[in-house]
Amino acid sequence: MRDILTEEIKQKALKFLKREISQKELRLYPYIDYSIKNGCQGWSYNKMDSEEIDILGTLFNEGHLVYSPEKVIVTKKFYDFMQEILALSYVEFLSDDNVKRKEQ
């Protein structure tokens, strides 16, 4: 289930952010992740709508990230949270049993 705002994701967001996240915010996380990992020079505001810009403003006001035309910086705690959310919403995992069978 890619890109689905599940109950598990909602609960993890509520615990970490102390608020709910929207489907739009969930979809913004891969863009934030790409930007911080690839040294992108800030944001392409012409590719973002006003809701996405508001979400970035909220994350900034909450102290999770700093963004400007020059760079994007996130806190380690937000980075770890975002990676967990991205894993839950975009990554398909093998079960540990499948991996163990292949190793034998």
PDB file of N, CA and C in Angstrom:
ATOM      1  N   MET A   1       0.850  -1.187   0.000  1.00  0.00           N
ATOM      2  CA  MET A   1       0.000   0.000   0.000  1.00  0.00           C
ATOM      3  C   MET A   1       0.889   1.241   0.000  1.00  0.00           C
ATOM      4  N   ARG A   2       1.169   1.729  -1.178  1.00  0.00           N
ATOM      5  CA  ARG A   2       2.015   2.912  -1.300  1.00  0.00           C
ATOM      6  C   ARG A   2       1.198   4.181  -1.152  1.00  0.00           C
ATOM      7  N   ASP A   3       1.805   5.132  -0.441  1.00  0.00           N
ATOM      8  CA  ASP A   3       1.237   6.473  -0.371  1.00  0.00           C
ATOM      9  C   ASP A   3      -0.145   6.504   0.284  1.00  0.00           C
ATOM     10  N   ILE A   4      -0.376   5.611   1.247  1.00  0.00           N
ATOM     11  CA  ILE A   4      -1.661   5.548   1.935  1.00  0.00           C
ATOM     12  C   ILE A   4      -1.477   6.018   3.371  1.00  0.00           C
ATOM     13  N   LEU A   5      -2.330   6.914   3.789  1.00  0.00           N
ATOM     14  CA  LEU A   5      -2.293   7.435   5.153  1.00  0.00           C
ATOM     15  C   LEU A   5      -3.035   6.457   6.058  1.00  0.00           C
ATOM     16  N   THR A   6      -2.303   5.476   6.573  1.00  0.00           N
ATOM     17  CA  THR A   6      -2.901   4.421   7.395  1.00  0.00           C
ATOM     18  C   THR A   6      -3.084   4.889   8.837  1.00  0.00           C
ATOM     19  N   GLU A   7      -3.812   4.100   9.597  1.00  0.00           N
ATOM     20  CA  GLU A   7      -3.988   4.404  11.024  1.00  0.00           C
ATOM     21  C   GLU A   7      -2.648   4.375  11.755  1.00  0.00           C
ATOM     22  N   GLU A   8      -1.785   3.441  11.392  1.00  0.00           N
ATOM     23  CA  GLU A   8      -0.469   3.362  12.031  1.00  0.00           C
ATOM     24  C   GLU A   8       0.334   4.637  11.788  1.00  0.00           C
ATOM     25  N   ILE A   9       0.304   5.131  10.562  1.00  0.00           N
ATOM     26  CA  ILE A   9       1.012   6.371  10.237  1.00  0.00           C
ATOM     27  C   ILE A   9       0.395   7.545  10.986  1.00  0.00           C
ATOM     28  N   LYS A  10      -0.928   7.600  11.018  1.00  0.00           N
ATOM     29  CA  LYS A  10      -1.602   8.679  11.749  1.00  0.00           C
ATOM     30  C   LYS A  10      -1.203   8.684  13.217  1.00  0.00           C
ATOM     31  N   GLN A  11      -1.137   7.505  13.834  1.00  0.00           N
ATOM     32  CA  GLN A  11      -0.779   7.408  15.253  1.00  0.00           C
ATOM     33  C   GLN A  11       0.670   7.825  15.499  1.00  0.00           C
ATOM     34  N   LYS A  12       1.575   7.404  14.626  1.00  0.00           N
ATOM     35  CA  LYS A  12       2.983   7.783  14.777  1.00  0.00           C
ATOM     36  C   LYS A  12       3.157   9.284  14.596  1.00  0.00           C
ATOM     37  N   ALA A  13       2.428   9.861  13.654  1.00  0.00           N
ATOM     38  CA  ALA A  13       2.495  11.309  13.445  1.00  0.00           C
ATOM     39  C   ALA A  13       1.944  12.049  14.652  1.00  0.00           C
ATOM     40  N   LEU A  14       0.837  11.582  15.167  1.00  0.00           N
ATOM     41  CA  LEU A  14       0.227  12.218  16.336  1.00  0.00           C
ATOM     42  C   LEU A  14       1.175  12.157  17.537  1.00  0.00           C
ATOM     43  N   LYS A  15       1.843  11.047  17.702  1.00  0.00           N
ATOM     44  CA  LYS A  15       2.778  10.894  18.820  1.00  0.00           C
ATOM     45  C   LYS A  15       3.986  11.824  18.664  1.00  0.00           C
ATOM     46  N   PHE A  16       4.552  11.902  17.461  1.00  0.00           N
ATOM     47  CA  PHE A  16       5.756  12.710  17.254  1.00  0.00           C
ATOM     48  C   PHE A  16       5.440  14.193  17.073  1.00  0.00           C
ATOM     49  N   LEU A  17       4.500  14.499  16.183  1.00  0.00           N
ATOM     50  CA  LEU A  17       4.202  15.897  15.849  1.00  0.00           C
ATOM     51  C   LEU A  17       3.204  16.546  16.801  1.00  0.00           C
ATOM     52  N   LYS A  18       2.484  15.711  17.547  1.00  0.00           N
ATOM     53  CA  LYS A  18       1.408  16.190  18.440  1.00  0.00           C
ATOM     54  C   LYS A  18       0.259  16.799  17.637  1.00  0.00           C
ATOM     55  N   ARG A  19       0.097  16.302  16.401  1.00  0.00           N
ATOM     56  CA  ARG A  19      -0.995  16.737  15.532  1.00  0.00           C
ATOM     57  C   ARG A  19      -1.172  15.693  14.438  1.00  0.00           C
ATOM     58  N   GLU A  20      -2.291  15.784  13.754  1.00  0.00           N
ATOM     59  CA  GLU A  20      -2.539  14.880  12.634  1.00  0.00           C
ATOM     60  C   GLU A  20      -1.818  15.385  11.391  1.00  0.00           C
ATOM     61  N   ILE A  21      -1.504  14.454  10.491  1.00  0.00           N
ATOM     62  CA  ILE A  21      -0.983  14.869   9.192  1.00  0.00           C
ATOM     63  C   ILE A  21      -2.020  14.540   8.129  1.00  0.00           C
ATOM     64  N   SER A  22      -1.919  15.239   7.030  1.00  0.00           N
ATOM     65  CA  SER A  22      -2.830  15.027   5.907  1.00  0.00           C
ATOM     66  C   SER A  22      -2.149  14.149   4.856  1.00  0.00           C
ATOM     67  N   GLN A  23      -2.942  13.689   3.911  1.00  0.00           N
ATOM     68  CA  GLN A  23      -2.398  12.947   2.773  1.00  0.00           C
ATOM     69  C   GLN A  23      -1.394  13.820   2.030  1.00  0.00           C
ATOM     70  N   LYS A  24      -1.681  15.096   1.926  1.00  0.00           N
ATOM     71  CA  LYS A  24      -0.793  16.034   1.231  1.00  0.00           C
ATOM     72  C   LYS A  24       0.562  16.118   1.937  1.00  0.00           C
ATOM     73  N   GLU A  25       0.545  16.173   3.280  1.00  0.00           N
ATOM     74  CA  GLU A  25       1.811  16.217   4.018  1.00  0.00           C
ATOM     75  C   GLU A  25       2.588  14.919   3.818  1.00  0.00           C
ATOM     76  N   LEU A  26       1.902  13.789   3.874  1.00  0.00           N
ATOM     77  CA  LEU A  26       2.557  12.507   3.630  1.00  0.00           C
ATOM     78  C   LEU A  26       3.242  12.512   2.263  1.00  0.00           C
ATOM     79  N   ARG A  27       2.583  13.040   1.262  1.00  0.00           N
ATOM     80  CA  ARG A  27       3.140  13.076  -0.095  1.00  0.00           C
ATOM     81  C   ARG A  27       4.286  14.074  -0.236  1.00  0.00           C
ATOM     82  N   LEU A  28       4.402  15.009   0.692  1.00  0.00           N
ATOM     83  CA  LEU A  28       5.489  15.983   0.658  1.00  0.00           C
ATOM     84  C   LEU A  28       6.786  15.402   1.235  1.00  0.00           C
ATOM     85  N   TYR A  29       6.685  14.412   2.096  1.00  0.00           N
ATOM     86  CA  TYR A  29       7.873  13.851   2.752  1.00  0.00           C
ATOM     87  C   TYR A  29       8.906  13.283   1.770  1.00  0.00           C
ATOM     88  N   PRO A  30       8.520  12.576   0.701  1.00  0.00           N
ATOM     89  CA  PRO A  30       9.553  12.117  -0.240  1.00  0.00           C
ATOM     90  C   PRO A  30      10.310  13.279  -0.893  1.00  0.00           C
ATOM     91  N   TYR A  31       9.631  14.384  -1.129  1.00  0.00           N
ATOM     92  CA  TYR A  31      10.272  15.560  -1.717  1.00  0.00           C
ATOM     93  C   TYR A  31      11.266  16.167  -0.725  1.00  0.00           C
ATOM     94  N   ILE A  32      10.869  16.268   0.544  1.00  0.00           N
ATOM     95  CA  ILE A  32      11.778  16.766   1.580  1.00  0.00           C
ATOM     96  C   ILE A  32      12.984  15.831   1.680  1.00  0.00           C
ATOM     97  N   ASP A  33      12.719  14.534   1.716  1.00  0.00           N
ATOM     98  CA  ASP A  33      13.779  13.533   1.822  1.00  0.00           C
ATOM     99  C   ASP A  33      14.756  13.645   0.654  1.00  0.00           C
ATOM    100  N   TYR A  34      14.240  13.731  -0.550  1.00  0.00           N
ATOM    101  CA  TYR A  34      15.090  13.861  -1.738  1.00  0.00           C
ATOM    102  C   TYR A  34      15.947  15.121  -1.646  1.00  0.00           C
ATOM    103  N   SER A  35      15.329  16.218  -1.229  1.00  0.00           N
ATOM    104  CA  SER A  35      16.034  17.497  -1.165  1.00  0.00           C
ATOM    105  C   SER A  35      17.189  17.470  -0.172  1.00  0.00           C
ATOM    106  N   ILE A  36      16.975  16.884   1.003  1.00  0.00           N
ATOM    107  CA  ILE A  36      18.050  16.878   1.998  1.00  0.00           C
ATOM    108  C   ILE A  36      19.148  15.872   1.653  1.00  0.00           C
ATOM    109  N   LYS A  37      18.798  14.801   0.974  1.00  0.00           N
ATOM    110  CA  LYS A  37      19.801  13.782   0.648  1.00  0.00           C
ATOM    111  C   LYS A  37      20.608  14.115  -0.595  1.00  0.00           C
ATOM    112  N   ASN A  38      20.070  14.942  -1.456  1.00  0.00           N
ATOM    113  CA  ASN A  38      20.734  15.236  -2.718  1.00  0.00           C
ATOM    114  C   ASN A  38      21.271  16.654  -2.791  1.00  0.00           C
ATOM    115  N   GLY A  39      21.304  17.330  -1.664  1.00  0.00           N
ATOM    116  CA  GLY A  39      21.880  18.671  -1.624  1.00  0.00           C
ATOM    117  C   GLY A  39      21.198  19.652  -2.550  1.00  0.00           C
ATOM    118  N   CYS A  40      19.905  19.502  -2.709  1.00  0.00           N
ATOM    119  CA  CYS A  40      19.166  20.400  -3.593  1.00  0.00           C
ATOM    120  C   CYS A  40      19.218  21.823  -3.053  1.00  0.00           C
ATOM    121  N   GLN A  41      19.233  22.729  -3.930  1.00  0.00           N
ATOM    122  CA  GLN A  41      19.270  24.135  -3.563  1.00  0.00           C
ATOM    123  C   GLN A  41      17.866  24.637  -3.280  1.00  0.00           C
ATOM    124  N   GLY A  42      17.413  24.432  -2.062  1.00  0.00           N
ATOM    125  CA  GLY A  42      16.107  24.939  -1.659  1.00  0.00           C
ATOM    126  C   GLY A  42      14.958  24.246  -2.367  1.00  0.00           C
ATOM    127  N   TRP A  43      13.853  24.946  -2.454  1.00  0.00           N
ATOM    128  CA  TRP A  43      12.616  24.382  -2.984  1.00  0.00           C
ATOM    129  C   TRP A  43      12.275  24.989  -4.329  1.00  0.00           C
ATOM    130  N   SER A  44      11.608  24.232  -5.145  1.00  0.00           N
ATOM    131  CA  SER A  44      11.053  24.742  -6.398  1.00  0.00           C
ATOM    132  C   SER A  44       9.625  25.179  -6.106  1.00  0.00           C
ATOM    133  N   TYR A  45       9.477  26.421  -5.648  1.00  0.00           N
ATOM    134  CA  TYR A  45       8.156  26.898  -5.246  1.00  0.00           C
ATOM    135  C   TYR A  45       7.156  26.875  -6.396  1.00  0.00           C
ATOM    136  N   ASN A  46       7.637  27.003  -7.625  1.00  0.00           N
ATOM    137  CA  ASN A  46       6.719  26.961  -8.762  1.00  0.00           C
ATOM    138  C   ASN A  46       6.132  25.567  -8.972  1.00  0.00           C
ATOM    139  N   LYS A  47       6.719  24.549  -8.324  1.00  0.00           N
ATOM    140  CA  LYS A  47       6.189  23.185  -8.412  1.00  0.00           C
ATOM    141  C   LYS A  47       5.324  22.829  -7.204  1.00  0.00           C
ATOM    142  N   MET A  48       5.160  23.787  -6.276  1.00  0.00           N
ATOM    143  CA  MET A  48       4.408  23.527  -5.047  1.00  0.00           C
ATOM    144  C   MET A  48       3.144  24.371  -5.020  1.00  0.00           C
ATOM    145  N   ASP A  49       2.094  23.821  -4.420  1.00  0.00           N
ATOM    146  CA  ASP A  49       0.879  24.617  -4.261  1.00  0.00           C
ATOM    147  C   ASP A  49       0.884  25.280  -2.884  1.00  0.00           C
ATOM    148  N   SER A  50      -0.096  26.123  -2.636  1.00  0.00           N
ATOM    149  CA  SER A  50      -0.121  26.894  -1.386  1.00  0.00           C
ATOM    150  C   SER A  50      -0.250  25.994  -0.158  1.00  0.00           C
ATOM    151  N   GLU A  51      -0.958  24.875  -0.285  1.00  0.00           N
ATOM    152  CA  GLU A  51      -1.093  23.954   0.851  1.00  0.00           C
ATOM    153  C   GLU A  51       0.259  23.338   1.222  1.00  0.00           C
ATOM    154  N   GLU A  52       1.047  22.969   0.218  1.00  0.00           N
ATOM    155  CA  GLU A  52       2.370  22.406   0.486  1.00  0.00           C
ATOM    156  C   GLU A  52       3.288  23.438   1.137  1.00  0.00           C
ATOM    157  N   ILE A  53       3.216  24.666   0.679  1.00  0.00           N
ATOM    158  CA  ILE A  53       4.011  25.740   1.283  1.00  0.00           C
ATOM    159  C   ILE A  53       3.573  25.975   2.722  1.00  0.00           C
ATOM    160  N   ASP A  54       2.276  25.904   2.981  1.00  0.00           N
ATOM    161  CA  ASP A  54       1.772  26.032   4.361  1.00  0.00           C
ATOM    162  C   ASP A  54       2.287  24.893   5.249  1.00  0.00           C
ATOM    163  N   ILE A  55       2.349  23.687   4.707  1.00  0.00           N
ATOM    164  CA  ILE A  55       2.865  22.539   5.469  1.00  0.00           C
ATOM    165  C   ILE A  55       4.325  22.771   5.835  1.00  0.00           C
ATOM    166  N   LEU A  56       5.116  23.255   4.883  1.00  0.00           N
ATOM    167  CA  LEU A  56       6.516  23.572   5.183  1.00  0.00           C
ATOM    168  C   LEU A  56       6.607  24.640   6.262  1.00  0.00           C
ATOM    169  N   GLY A  57       5.730  25.630   6.186  1.00  0.00           N
ATOM    170  CA  GLY A  57       5.699  26.671   7.211  1.00  0.00           C
ATOM    171  C   GLY A  57       5.375  26.104   8.584  1.00  0.00           C
ATOM    172  N   THR A  58       4.448  25.175   8.634  1.00  0.00           N
ATOM    173  CA  THR A  58       4.100  24.522   9.902  1.00  0.00           C
ATOM    174  C   THR A  58       5.292  23.745  10.449  1.00  0.00           C
ATOM    175  N   LEU A  59       5.952  22.967   9.598  1.00  0.00           N
ATOM    176  CA  LEU A  59       7.125  22.196  10.034  1.00  0.00           C
ATOM    177  C   LEU A  59       8.244  23.122  10.506  1.00  0.00           C
ATOM    178  N   PHE A  60       8.398  24.262   9.842  1.00  0.00           N
ATOM    179  CA  PHE A  60       9.381  25.263  10.268  1.00  0.00           C
ATOM    180  C   PHE A  60       9.009  25.832  11.635  1.00  0.00           C
ATOM    181  N   ASN A  61       7.749  26.231  11.786  1.00  0.00           N
ATOM    182  CA  ASN A  61       7.286  26.811  13.056  1.00  0.00           C
ATOM    183  C   ASN A  61       7.384  25.822  14.213  1.00  0.00           C
ATOM    184  N   GLU A  62       7.246  24.541  13.912  1.00  0.00           N
ATOM    185  CA  GLU A  62       7.374  23.501  14.939  1.00  0.00           C
ATOM    186  C   GLU A  62       8.839  23.180  15.260  1.00  0.00           C
ATOM    187  N   GLY A  63       9.761  23.743  14.489  1.00  0.00           N
ATOM    188  CA  GLY A  63      11.187  23.537  14.741  1.00  0.00           C
ATOM    189  C   GLY A  63      11.771  22.282  14.122  1.00  0.00           C
ATOM    190  N   HIS A  64      11.078  21.701  13.136  1.00  0.00           N
ATOM    191  CA  HIS A  64      11.551  20.457  12.526  1.00  0.00           C
ATOM    192  C   HIS A  64      12.477  20.679  11.342  1.00  0.00           C
ATOM    193  N   LEU A  65      12.327  21.808  10.662  1.00  0.00           N
ATOM    194  CA  LEU A  65      13.177  22.070   9.509  1.00  0.00           C
ATOM    195  C   LEU A  65      13.371  23.557   9.289  1.00  0.00           C
ATOM    196  N   VAL A  66      14.412  23.851   8.514  1.00  0.00           N
ATOM    197  CA  VAL A  66      14.688  25.208   8.050  1.00  0.00           C
ATOM    198  C   VAL A  66      14.788  25.100   6.538  1.00  0.00           C
ATOM    199  N   TYR A  67      14.136  25.978   5.841  1.00  0.00           N
ATOM    200  CA  TYR A  67      14.193  25.939   4.385  1.00  0.00           C
ATOM    201  C   TYR A  67      14.343  27.346   3.840  1.00  0.00           C
ATOM    202  N   SER A  68      15.043  27.447   2.740  1.00  0.00           N
ATOM    203  CA  SER A  68      15.258  28.725   2.073  1.00  0.00           C
ATOM    204  C   SER A  68      15.589  28.427   0.618  1.00  0.00           C
ATOM    205  N   PRO A  69      15.750  29.449  -0.194  1.00  0.00           N
ATOM    206  CA  PRO A  69      16.164  29.180  -1.577  1.00  0.00           C
ATOM    207  C   PRO A  69      17.540  28.506  -1.666  1.00  0.00           C
ATOM    208  N   GLU A  70      18.344  28.612  -0.606  1.00  0.00           N
ATOM    209  CA  GLU A  70      19.693  28.052  -0.643  1.00  0.00           C
ATOM    210  C   GLU A  70      19.792  26.608  -0.164  1.00  0.00           C
ATOM    211  N   LYS A  71      19.018  26.236   0.873  1.00  0.00           N
ATOM    212  CA  LYS A  71      19.186  24.891   1.425  1.00  0.00           C
ATOM    213  C   LYS A  71      18.001  24.464   2.270  1.00  0.00           C
ATOM    214  N   VAL A  72      17.996  23.181   2.567  1.00  0.00           N
ATOM    215  CA  VAL A  72      16.991  22.574   3.432  1.00  0.00           C
ATOM    216  C   VAL A  72      17.740  21.814   4.526  1.00  0.00           C
ATOM    217  N   ILE A  73      17.382  22.066   5.786  1.00  0.00           N
ATOM    218  CA  ILE A  73      18.013  21.396   6.923  1.00  0.00           C
ATOM    219  C   ILE A  73      16.901  20.883   7.829  1.00  0.00           C
ATOM    220  N   VAL A  74      17.042  19.649   8.300  1.00  0.00           N
ATOM    221  CA  VAL A  74      16.054  19.076   9.222  1.00  0.00           C
ATOM    222  C   VAL A  74      16.748  18.655  10.511  1.00  0.00           C
ATOM    223  N   THR A  75      15.963  18.514  11.577  1.00  0.00           N
ATOM    224  CA  THR A  75      16.511  17.980  12.819  1.00  0.00           C
ATOM    225  C   THR A  75      16.682  16.472  12.675  1.00  0.00           C
ATOM    226  N   LYS A  76      17.555  15.902  13.474  1.00  0.00           N
ATOM    227  CA  LYS A  76      17.769  14.453  13.449  1.00  0.00           C
ATOM    228  C   LYS A  76      16.495  13.715  13.858  1.00  0.00           C
ATOM    229  N   LYS A  77      15.797  14.247  14.850  1.00  0.00           N
ATOM    230  CA  LYS A  77      14.562  13.589  15.297  1.00  0.00           C
ATOM    231  C   LYS A  77      13.507  13.594  14.194  1.00  0.00           C
ATOM    232  N   PHE A  78      13.370  14.714  13.480  1.00  0.00           N
ATOM    233  CA  PHE A  78      12.402  14.760  12.387  1.00  0.00           C
ATOM    234  C   PHE A  78      12.842  13.833  11.257  1.00  0.00           C
ATOM    235  N   TYR A  79      14.132  13.806  10.973  1.00  0.00           N
ATOM    236  CA  TYR A  79      14.651  12.917   9.939  1.00  0.00           C
ATOM    237  C   TYR A  79      14.297  11.459  10.261  1.00  0.00           C
ATOM    238  N   ASP A  80      14.548  11.049  11.502  1.00  0.00           N
ATOM    239  CA  ASP A  80      14.237   9.673  11.906  1.00  0.00           C
ATOM    240  C   ASP A  80      12.739   9.385  11.798  1.00  0.00           C
ATOM    241  N   PHE A  81      11.918  10.327  12.238  1.00  0.00           N
ATOM    242  CA  PHE A  81      10.461  10.185  12.125  1.00  0.00           C
ATOM    243  C   PHE A  81      10.054  10.048  10.660  1.00  0.00           C
ATOM    244  N   MET A  82      10.580  10.937   9.824  1.00  0.00           N
ATOM    245  CA  MET A  82      10.213  10.939   8.411  1.00  0.00           C
ATOM    246  C   MET A  82      10.625   9.627   7.738  1.00  0.00           C
ATOM    247  N   GLN A  83      11.803   9.085   8.085  1.00  0.00           N
ATOM    248  CA  GLN A  83      12.244   7.816   7.493  1.00  0.00           C
ATOM    249  C   GLN A  83      11.309   6.678   7.874  1.00  0.00           C
ATOM    250  N   GLU A  84      10.854   6.679   9.119  1.00  0.00           N
ATOM    251  CA  GLU A  84       9.910   5.642   9.549  1.00  0.00           C
ATOM    252  C   GLU A  84       8.591   5.767   8.783  1.00  0.00           C
ATOM    253  N   ILE A  85       8.109   6.982   8.623  1.00  0.00           N
ATOM    254  CA  ILE A  85       6.860   7.212   7.891  1.00  0.00           C
ATOM    255  C   ILE A  85       7.023   6.817   6.427  1.00  0.00           C
ATOM    256  N   LEU A  86       8.153   7.184   5.822  1.00  0.00           N
ATOM    257  CA  LEU A  86       8.394   6.815   4.425  1.00  0.00           C
ATOM    258  C   LEU A  86       8.477   5.298   4.266  1.00  0.00           C
ATOM    259  N   ALA A  87       9.122   4.632   5.209  1.00  0.00           N
ATOM    260  CA  ALA A  87       9.216   3.170   5.144  1.00  0.00           C
ATOM    261  C   ALA A  87       7.834   2.537   5.224  1.00  0.00           C
ATOM    262  N   LEU A  88       7.013   3.030   6.118  1.00  0.00           N
ATOM    263  CA  LEU A  88       5.665   2.472   6.276  1.00  0.00           C
ATOM    264  C   LEU A  88       4.773   2.746   5.069  1.00  0.00           C
ATOM    265  N   SER A  89       4.972   3.874   4.426  1.00  0.00           N
ATOM    266  CA  SER A  89       4.035   4.264   3.372  1.00  0.00           C
ATOM    267  C   SER A  89       4.525   4.007   1.946  1.00  0.00           C
ATOM    268  N   TYR A  90       5.818   3.765   1.762  1.00  0.00           N
ATOM    269  CA  TYR A  90       6.320   3.626   0.397  1.00  0.00           C
ATOM    270  C   TYR A  90       7.164   2.379   0.135  1.00  0.00           C
ATOM    271  N   VAL A  91       7.578   1.653   1.171  1.00  0.00           N
ATOM    272  CA  VAL A  91       8.525   0.556   0.994  1.00  0.00           C
ATOM    273  C   VAL A  91       7.844  -0.783   1.259  1.00  0.00           C
ATOM    274  N   GLU A  92       8.096  -1.726   0.381  1.00  0.00           N
ATOM    275  CA  GLU A  92       7.614  -3.090   0.588  1.00  0.00           C
ATOM    276  C   GLU A  92       8.779  -3.911   1.125  1.00  0.00           C
ATOM    277  N   PHE A  93       8.568  -4.584   2.241  1.00  0.00           N
ATOM    278  CA  PHE A  93       9.632  -5.330   2.899  1.00  0.00           C
ATOM    279  C   PHE A  93       9.440  -6.830   2.747  1.00  0.00           C
ATOM    280  N   LEU A  94      10.553  -7.547   2.685  1.00  0.00           N
ATOM    281  CA  LEU A  94      10.529  -8.998   2.802  1.00  0.00           C
ATOM    282  C   LEU A  94      10.317  -9.345   4.262  1.00  0.00           C
ATOM    283  N   SER A  95       9.684 -10.452   4.512  1.00  0.00           N
ATOM    284  CA  SER A  95       9.583 -10.900   5.898  1.00  0.00           C
ATOM    285  C   SER A  95      10.937 -11.476   6.310  1.00  0.00           C
ATOM    286  N   ASP A  96      11.222 -11.443   7.581  1.00  0.00           N
ATOM    287  CA  ASP A  96      12.477 -12.009   8.084  1.00  0.00           C
ATOM    288  C   ASP A  96      12.581 -13.490   7.758  1.00  0.00           C
ATOM    289  N   ASP A  97      11.462 -14.195   7.728  1.00  0.00           N
ATOM    290  CA  ASP A  97      11.465 -15.621   7.394  1.00  0.00           C
ATOM    291  C   ASP A  97      11.982 -15.855   5.977  1.00  0.00           C
ATOM    292  N   ASN A  98      11.594 -15.013   5.031  1.00  0.00           N
ATOM    293  CA  ASN A  98      12.058 -15.159   3.652  1.00  0.00           C
ATOM    294  C   ASN A  98      13.560 -14.961   3.555  1.00  0.00           C
ATOM    295  N   VAL A  99      14.080 -14.013   4.287  1.00  0.00           N
ATOM    296  CA  VAL A  99      15.513 -13.739   4.252  1.00  0.00           C
ATOM    297  C   VAL A  99      16.282 -14.905   4.864  1.00  0.00           C
ATOM    298  N   LYS A 100      15.804 -15.448   5.963  1.00  0.00           N
ATOM    299  CA  LYS A 100      16.487 -16.564   6.631  1.00  0.00           C
ATOM    300  C   LYS A 100      16.533 -17.793   5.732  1.00  0.00           C
ATOM    301  N   ARG A 101      15.456 -18.064   5.013  1.00  0.00           N
ATOM    302  CA  ARG A 101      15.422 -19.225   4.116  1.00  0.00           C
ATOM    303  C   ARG A 101      16.454 -19.080   3.005  1.00  0.00           C
ATOM    304  N   LYS A 102      16.617 -17.894   2.490  1.00  0.00           N
ATOM    305  CA  LYS A 102      17.568 -17.673   1.401  1.00  0.00           C
ATOM    306  C   LYS A 102      19.012 -17.776   1.878  1.00  0.00           C
ATOM    307  N   GLU A 103      19.257 -17.461   3.143  1.00  0.00           N
ATOM    308  CA  GLU A 103      20.614 -17.526   3.687  1.00  0.00           C
ATOM    309  C   GLU A 103      21.066 -18.965   3.914  1.00  0.00           C
ATOM    310  N   GLN A 104      20.138 -19.890   4.092  1.00  0.00           N
ATOM    311  CA  GLN A 104      20.490 -21.281   4.426  1.00  0.00           C
ATOM    312  C   GLN A 104      20.896 -22.087   3.239  1.00  0.00           C
TER     313      GLN A 104
END
